[in-house]
Amino acid sequence: VQLVESGGGLARPGGSMTLSCAASGFAFSAYQMSWYRQAPGKERDLVALIYSAGGTTTYEDSVKGRFTISRDNAKNTVYLQMNNLKPEDTAVYYCAVRIRYSYYWGQGTQVTVSS
């Protein structure tokens, strides 16, 4: 299993950014995919989740209406579109998949929101 995130960087408050996670080594279309984030000194928290067929999504309350998770099963890729970014969105963002009883994580991508 390999998950490779990309698309992080520096954004200004109110700006937008799209993260991508390229997956390999498992039957991508069969599994729900998640984005987590971890800010300095804090626990890693679930941000958004998308079911295998892509029709059902869930979001952490603070990002509802601002973030959108989506997937392209043909490209084995999951995305996180982030709009109206706030300084409190600053964190390392991780893509994750649970297969049977194990979680697999990408290396993470840093998102910094600052003026």
N, C-alpha and C. Protein backbone atom coordinates (compact mmCIF):
# COMPACT_ATOMS: atom_id res chain seq x y z
N VAL A 1 0.85 -1.19 0.00
CA VAL A 1 0.00 0.00 0.00
C VAL A 1 0.89 1.24 0.00
N GLN A 2 0.60 2.13 -0.91
CA GLN A 2 1.35 3.38 -0.96
C GLN A 2 0.38 4.54 -1.19
N LEU A 3 0.54 5.57 -0.37
CA LEU A 3 -0.26 6.79 -0.49
C LEU A 3 0.70 7.96 -0.57
N VAL A 4 0.57 8.77 -1.60
CA VAL A 4 1.49 9.89 -1.80
C VAL A 4 0.68 11.17 -1.95
N GLU A 5 0.80 12.04 -0.95
CA GLU A 5 0.09 13.31 -0.99
C GLU A 5 0.91 14.36 -1.73
N SER A 6 0.21 15.32 -2.30
CA SER A 6 0.85 16.46 -2.94
C SER A 6 -0.10 17.64 -2.90
N GLY A 7 0.44 18.81 -3.17
CA GLY A 7 -0.40 19.99 -3.30
C GLY A 7 -0.39 20.94 -2.12
N GLY A 8 0.34 20.63 -1.08
CA GLY A 8 0.41 21.53 0.07
C GLY A 8 1.27 22.74 -0.22
N GLY A 9 1.33 23.63 0.75
CA GLY A 9 2.13 24.83 0.60
C GLY A 9 1.60 25.95 1.46
N LEU A 10 1.89 27.16 1.03
CA LEU A 10 1.49 28.35 1.77
C LEU A 10 0.31 29.02 1.08
N ALA A 11 -0.70 29.36 1.86
CA ALA A 11 -1.85 30.07 1.33
C ALA A 11 -2.21 31.22 2.27
N ARG A 12 -2.84 32.23 1.74
CA ARG A 12 -3.28 33.34 2.56
C ARG A 12 -4.69 33.05 3.09
N PRO A 13 -5.04 33.63 4.20
CA PRO A 13 -6.42 33.47 4.69
C PRO A 13 -7.43 33.85 3.61
N GLY A 14 -8.43 33.01 3.47
CA GLY A 14 -9.41 33.23 2.42
C GLY A 14 -9.06 32.58 1.10
N GLY A 15 -7.85 32.06 1.01
CA GLY A 15 -7.41 31.45 -0.23
C GLY A 15 -7.87 30.01 -0.38
N SER A 16 -7.44 29.39 -1.46
CA SER A 16 -7.84 28.02 -1.78
C SER A 16 -6.62 27.17 -2.09
N MET A 17 -6.80 25.88 -1.93
CA MET A 17 -5.73 24.94 -2.21
C MET A 17 -6.37 23.58 -2.43
N THR A 18 -5.77 22.79 -3.31
CA THR A 18 -6.26 21.43 -3.55
C THR A 18 -5.15 20.43 -3.25
N LEU A 19 -5.45 19.49 -2.40
CA LEU A 19 -4.52 18.40 -2.10
C LEU A 19 -4.91 17.18 -2.92
N SER A 20 -3.91 16.42 -3.31
CA SER A 20 -4.13 15.16 -4.02
C SER A 20 -3.43 14.03 -3.29
N CYS A 21 -3.99 12.85 -3.41
CA CYS A 21 -3.37 11.66 -2.83
C CYS A 21 -3.44 10.54 -3.87
N ALA A 22 -2.29 10.15 -4.37
CA ALA A 22 -2.22 9.05 -5.33
C ALA A 22 -2.02 7.75 -4.59
N ALA A 23 -2.89 6.78 -4.85
CA ALA A 23 -2.87 5.51 -4.13
C ALA A 23 -2.44 4.37 -5.04
N SER A 24 -1.78 3.39 -4.46
CA SER A 24 -1.39 2.20 -5.21
C SER A 24 -1.23 1.03 -4.25
N GLY A 25 -1.24 -0.17 -4.80
CA GLY A 25 -1.00 -1.35 -3.99
C GLY A 25 -2.23 -1.98 -3.38
N PHE A 26 -3.38 -1.46 -3.69
CA PHE A 26 -4.62 -2.06 -3.19
C PHE A 26 -5.75 -1.69 -4.15
N ALA A 27 -6.91 -2.32 -3.97
CA ALA A 27 -8.06 -2.08 -4.85
C ALA A 27 -8.74 -0.78 -4.43
N PHE A 28 -8.20 0.30 -4.92
CA PHE A 28 -8.61 1.65 -4.49
C PHE A 28 -10.12 1.85 -4.50
N SER A 29 -10.77 1.44 -5.56
CA SER A 29 -12.20 1.73 -5.71
C SER A 29 -13.06 1.02 -4.68
N ALA A 30 -12.50 0.04 -3.99
CA ALA A 30 -13.28 -0.73 -3.04
C ALA A 30 -13.26 -0.17 -1.62
N TYR A 31 -12.45 0.84 -1.38
CA TYR A 31 -12.24 1.32 -0.02
C TYR A 31 -12.61 2.79 0.16
N GLN A 32 -13.12 3.07 1.36
CA GLN A 32 -13.33 4.47 1.69
C GLN A 32 -11.98 5.12 1.97
N MET A 33 -11.86 6.37 1.61
CA MET A 33 -10.62 7.11 1.77
C MET A 33 -10.86 8.31 2.68
N SER A 34 -9.81 8.70 3.39
CA SER A 34 -9.95 9.77 4.37
C SER A 34 -8.80 10.76 4.26
N TRP A 35 -9.09 11.96 4.69
CA TRP A 35 -8.06 12.96 4.93
C TRP A 35 -8.06 13.30 6.42
N TYR A 36 -6.88 13.30 7.01
CA TYR A 36 -6.68 13.70 8.39
C TYR A 36 -5.73 14.89 8.40
N ARG A 37 -5.68 15.57 9.52
CA ARG A 37 -4.69 16.62 9.69
C ARG A 37 -4.18 16.64 11.13
N GLN A 38 -2.95 17.11 11.25
CA GLN A 38 -2.34 17.20 12.57
C GLN A 38 -1.61 18.52 12.69
N ALA A 39 -2.09 19.35 13.60
CA ALA A 39 -1.44 20.62 13.88
C ALA A 39 -0.37 20.41 14.95
N PRO A 40 0.61 21.30 15.04
CA PRO A 40 1.67 21.14 16.04
C PRO A 40 1.11 21.01 17.45
N GLY A 41 1.54 20.00 18.16
CA GLY A 41 1.11 19.81 19.53
C GLY A 41 -0.28 19.26 19.70
N LYS A 42 -0.91 18.87 18.60
CA LYS A 42 -2.27 18.36 18.67
C LYS A 42 -2.35 16.95 18.10
N GLU A 43 -3.48 16.30 18.37
CA GLU A 43 -3.68 14.97 17.84
C GLU A 43 -4.05 15.02 16.36
N ARG A 44 -3.89 13.89 15.69
CA ARG A 44 -4.29 13.77 14.30
C ARG A 44 -5.81 13.57 14.26
N ASP A 45 -6.50 14.44 13.54
CA ASP A 45 -7.96 14.42 13.51
C ASP A 45 -8.48 14.16 12.11
N LEU A 46 -9.62 13.49 12.05
CA LEU A 46 -10.28 13.25 10.77
C LEU A 46 -10.86 14.56 10.24
N VAL A 47 -10.59 14.85 8.99
CA VAL A 47 -11.11 16.04 8.33
C VAL A 47 -12.28 15.69 7.42
N ALA A 48 -12.09 14.68 6.60
CA ALA A 48 -13.13 14.31 5.64
C ALA A 48 -12.96 12.86 5.23
N LEU A 49 -14.08 12.26 4.84
CA LEU A 49 -14.10 10.86 4.45
C LEU A 49 -15.01 10.70 3.25
N ILE A 50 -14.63 9.81 2.34
CA ILE A 50 -15.47 9.55 1.18
C ILE A 50 -15.59 8.05 1.00
N TYR A 51 -16.81 7.58 0.78
CA TYR A 51 -17.04 6.15 0.61
C TYR A 51 -16.57 5.69 -0.76
N SER A 52 -16.50 4.39 -0.92
CA SER A 52 -15.86 3.82 -2.11
C SER A 52 -16.52 4.25 -3.40
N ALA A 53 -17.84 4.33 -3.43
CA ALA A 53 -18.53 4.72 -4.66
C ALA A 53 -18.50 6.22 -4.89
N GLY A 54 -18.05 6.96 -3.87
CA GLY A 54 -17.89 8.40 -4.03
C GLY A 54 -19.12 9.22 -3.78
N GLY A 55 -20.26 8.58 -3.51
CA GLY A 55 -21.47 9.34 -3.35
C GLY A 55 -21.71 9.88 -1.96
N THR A 56 -21.07 9.30 -0.96
CA THR A 56 -21.30 9.70 0.43
C THR A 56 -20.01 10.26 1.02
N THR A 57 -20.14 11.42 1.62
CA THR A 57 -19.00 12.07 2.24
C THR A 57 -19.38 12.56 3.63
N THR A 58 -18.39 12.66 4.50
CA THR A 58 -18.58 13.26 5.81
C THR A 58 -17.44 14.22 6.08
N TYR A 59 -17.72 15.23 6.91
CA TYR A 59 -16.74 16.27 7.20
C TYR A 59 -16.72 16.60 8.68
N GLU A 60 -15.56 16.98 9.15
CA GLU A 60 -15.43 17.54 10.49
C GLU A 60 -16.14 18.89 10.48
N ASP A 61 -16.76 19.23 11.60
CA ASP A 61 -17.63 20.41 11.63
C ASP A 61 -16.94 21.70 11.18
N SER A 62 -15.70 21.90 11.55
CA SER A 62 -15.04 23.17 11.27
C SER A 62 -14.73 23.38 9.79
N VAL A 63 -14.81 22.32 8.98
CA VAL A 63 -14.50 22.46 7.56
C VAL A 63 -15.73 22.34 6.67
N LYS A 64 -16.88 22.02 7.25
CA LYS A 64 -18.11 21.88 6.47
C LYS A 64 -18.39 23.18 5.72
N GLY A 65 -18.72 23.03 4.44
CA GLY A 65 -19.00 24.20 3.62
C GLY A 65 -17.77 24.85 3.02
N ARG A 66 -16.59 24.44 3.48
CA ARG A 66 -15.35 25.03 2.95
C ARG A 66 -14.49 24.00 2.22
N PHE A 67 -14.50 22.77 2.71
CA PHE A 67 -13.69 21.71 2.11
C PHE A 67 -14.58 20.73 1.37
N THR A 68 -14.03 20.15 0.30
CA THR A 68 -14.75 19.13 -0.46
C THR A 68 -13.80 17.98 -0.75
N ILE A 69 -14.20 16.79 -0.35
CA ILE A 69 -13.43 15.60 -0.68
C ILE A 69 -14.05 14.94 -1.90
N SER A 70 -13.20 14.45 -2.78
CA SER A 70 -13.69 13.76 -3.97
C SER A 70 -12.67 12.69 -4.36
N ARG A 71 -13.07 11.83 -5.27
CA ARG A 71 -12.16 10.78 -5.71
C ARG A 71 -12.37 10.50 -7.18
N ASP A 72 -11.30 10.02 -7.80
CA ASP A 72 -11.33 9.56 -9.18
C ASP A 72 -10.84 8.13 -9.16
N ASN A 73 -11.77 7.19 -9.21
CA ASN A 73 -11.37 5.78 -9.12
C ASN A 73 -10.58 5.32 -10.33
N ALA A 74 -10.74 5.98 -11.46
CA ALA A 74 -9.97 5.62 -12.64
C ALA A 74 -8.50 6.01 -12.49
N LYS A 75 -8.26 7.04 -11.68
CA LYS A 75 -6.88 7.51 -11.47
C LYS A 75 -6.33 7.09 -10.11
N ASN A 76 -7.12 6.34 -9.32
CA ASN A 76 -6.69 5.94 -7.98
C ASN A 76 -6.23 7.14 -7.16
N THR A 77 -7.01 8.19 -7.20
CA THR A 77 -6.62 9.43 -6.55
C THR A 77 -7.80 10.01 -5.77
N VAL A 78 -7.49 10.51 -4.59
CA VAL A 78 -8.49 11.21 -3.78
C VAL A 78 -8.00 12.65 -3.61
N TYR A 79 -8.95 13.57 -3.58
CA TYR A 79 -8.64 15.00 -3.54
C TYR A 79 -9.28 15.64 -2.31
N LEU A 80 -8.70 16.77 -1.91
CA LEU A 80 -9.32 17.60 -0.89
C LEU A 80 -9.22 19.04 -1.39
N GLN A 81 -10.35 19.57 -1.82
CA GLN A 81 -10.42 20.96 -2.24
C GLN A 81 -10.72 21.80 -1.00
N MET A 82 -9.87 22.76 -0.73
CA MET A 82 -10.01 23.58 0.47
C MET A 82 -10.20 25.03 0.06
N ASN A 83 -11.32 25.60 0.44
CA ASN A 83 -11.63 27.00 0.14
C ASN A 83 -11.76 27.80 1.42
N ASN A 84 -11.68 29.11 1.27
CA ASN A 84 -11.81 30.00 2.42
C ASN A 84 -10.92 29.54 3.58
N LEU A 85 -9.68 29.32 3.26
CA LEU A 85 -8.75 28.80 4.27
C LEU A 85 -8.57 29.77 5.42
N LYS A 86 -8.38 29.20 6.60
CA LYS A 86 -8.19 29.98 7.81
C LYS A 86 -6.86 29.59 8.46
N PRO A 87 -6.28 30.48 9.25
CA PRO A 87 -5.02 30.12 9.92
C PRO A 87 -5.12 28.84 10.73
N GLU A 88 -6.27 28.56 11.29
CA GLU A 88 -6.42 27.34 12.08
C GLU A 88 -6.46 26.08 11.23
N ASP A 89 -6.46 26.22 9.91
CA ASP A 89 -6.35 25.05 9.03
C ASP A 89 -4.89 24.62 8.85
N THR A 90 -3.97 25.41 9.38
CA THR A 90 -2.55 25.07 9.28
C THR A 90 -2.27 23.75 9.98
N ALA A 91 -1.70 22.81 9.23
CA ALA A 91 -1.44 21.47 9.76
C ALA A 91 -0.73 20.66 8.69
N VAL A 92 -0.27 19.50 9.08
CA VAL A 92 0.16 18.49 8.12
C VAL A 92 -1.07 17.65 7.78
N TYR A 93 -1.34 17.52 6.51
CA TYR A 93 -2.51 16.78 6.03
C TYR A 93 -2.08 15.41 5.53
N TYR A 94 -2.81 14.39 5.97
CA TYR A 94 -2.50 13.02 5.63
C TYR A 94 -3.68 12.36 4.93
N CYS A 95 -3.37 11.59 3.95
CA CYS A 95 -4.32 10.71 3.30
C CYS A 95 -4.25 9.36 4.01
N ALA A 96 -5.39 8.68 4.15
CA ALA A 96 -5.39 7.41 4.87
C ALA A 96 -6.42 6.45 4.30
N VAL A 97 -6.13 5.18 4.47
CA VAL A 97 -7.07 4.12 4.10
C VAL A 97 -7.00 3.04 5.17
N ARG A 98 -8.17 2.53 5.52
CA ARG A 98 -8.22 1.40 6.45
C ARG A 98 -8.50 0.14 5.64
N ILE A 99 -7.60 -0.81 5.76
CA ILE A 99 -7.76 -2.10 5.08
C ILE A 99 -7.74 -3.18 6.15
N ARG A 100 -8.86 -3.86 6.25
CA ARG A 100 -9.08 -4.82 7.34
C ARG A 100 -8.85 -4.11 8.66
N TYR A 101 -7.88 -4.50 9.45
CA TYR A 101 -7.69 -3.91 10.77
C TYR A 101 -6.52 -2.93 10.83
N SER A 102 -5.98 -2.57 9.69
CA SER A 102 -4.81 -1.69 9.66
C SER A 102 -5.10 -0.40 8.93
N TYR A 103 -4.54 0.69 9.47
CA TYR A 103 -4.57 1.97 8.78
C TYR A 103 -3.25 2.17 8.05
N TYR A 104 -3.35 2.71 6.85
CA TYR A 104 -2.18 3.06 6.07
C TYR A 104 -2.21 4.57 5.82
N TRP A 105 -1.03 5.18 5.95
CA TRP A 105 -0.92 6.63 5.88
C TRP A 105 0.07 7.05 4.81
N GLY A 106 -0.18 8.22 4.23
CA GLY A 106 0.82 8.83 3.39
C GLY A 106 1.85 9.54 4.26
N GLN A 107 2.80 10.19 3.60
CA GLN A 107 3.87 10.86 4.33
C GLN A 107 3.43 12.22 4.86
N GLY A 108 2.30 12.71 4.36
CA GLY A 108 1.78 13.99 4.79
C GLY A 108 2.27 15.14 3.92
N THR A 109 1.47 16.19 3.87
CA THR A 109 1.84 17.40 3.15
C THR A 109 1.49 18.61 4.01
N GLN A 110 2.41 19.52 4.13
CA GLN A 110 2.23 20.67 5.02
C GLN A 110 1.35 21.72 4.33
N VAL A 111 0.36 22.18 5.06
CA VAL A 111 -0.48 23.31 4.64
C VAL A 111 -0.32 24.40 5.68
N THR A 112 0.10 25.56 5.22
CA THR A 112 0.28 26.71 6.11
C THR A 112 -0.58 27.85 5.60
N VAL A 113 -1.43 28.36 6.48
CA VAL A 113 -2.30 29.48 6.12
C VAL A 113 -1.86 30.69 6.95
N SER A 114 -1.34 31.67 6.26
CA SER A 114 -0.79 32.83 6.96
C SER A 114 -0.76 34.02 6.02
N SER A 115 -0.94 35.19 6.61
CA SER A 115 -0.85 36.42 5.81
C SER A 115 0.58 36.95 5.83
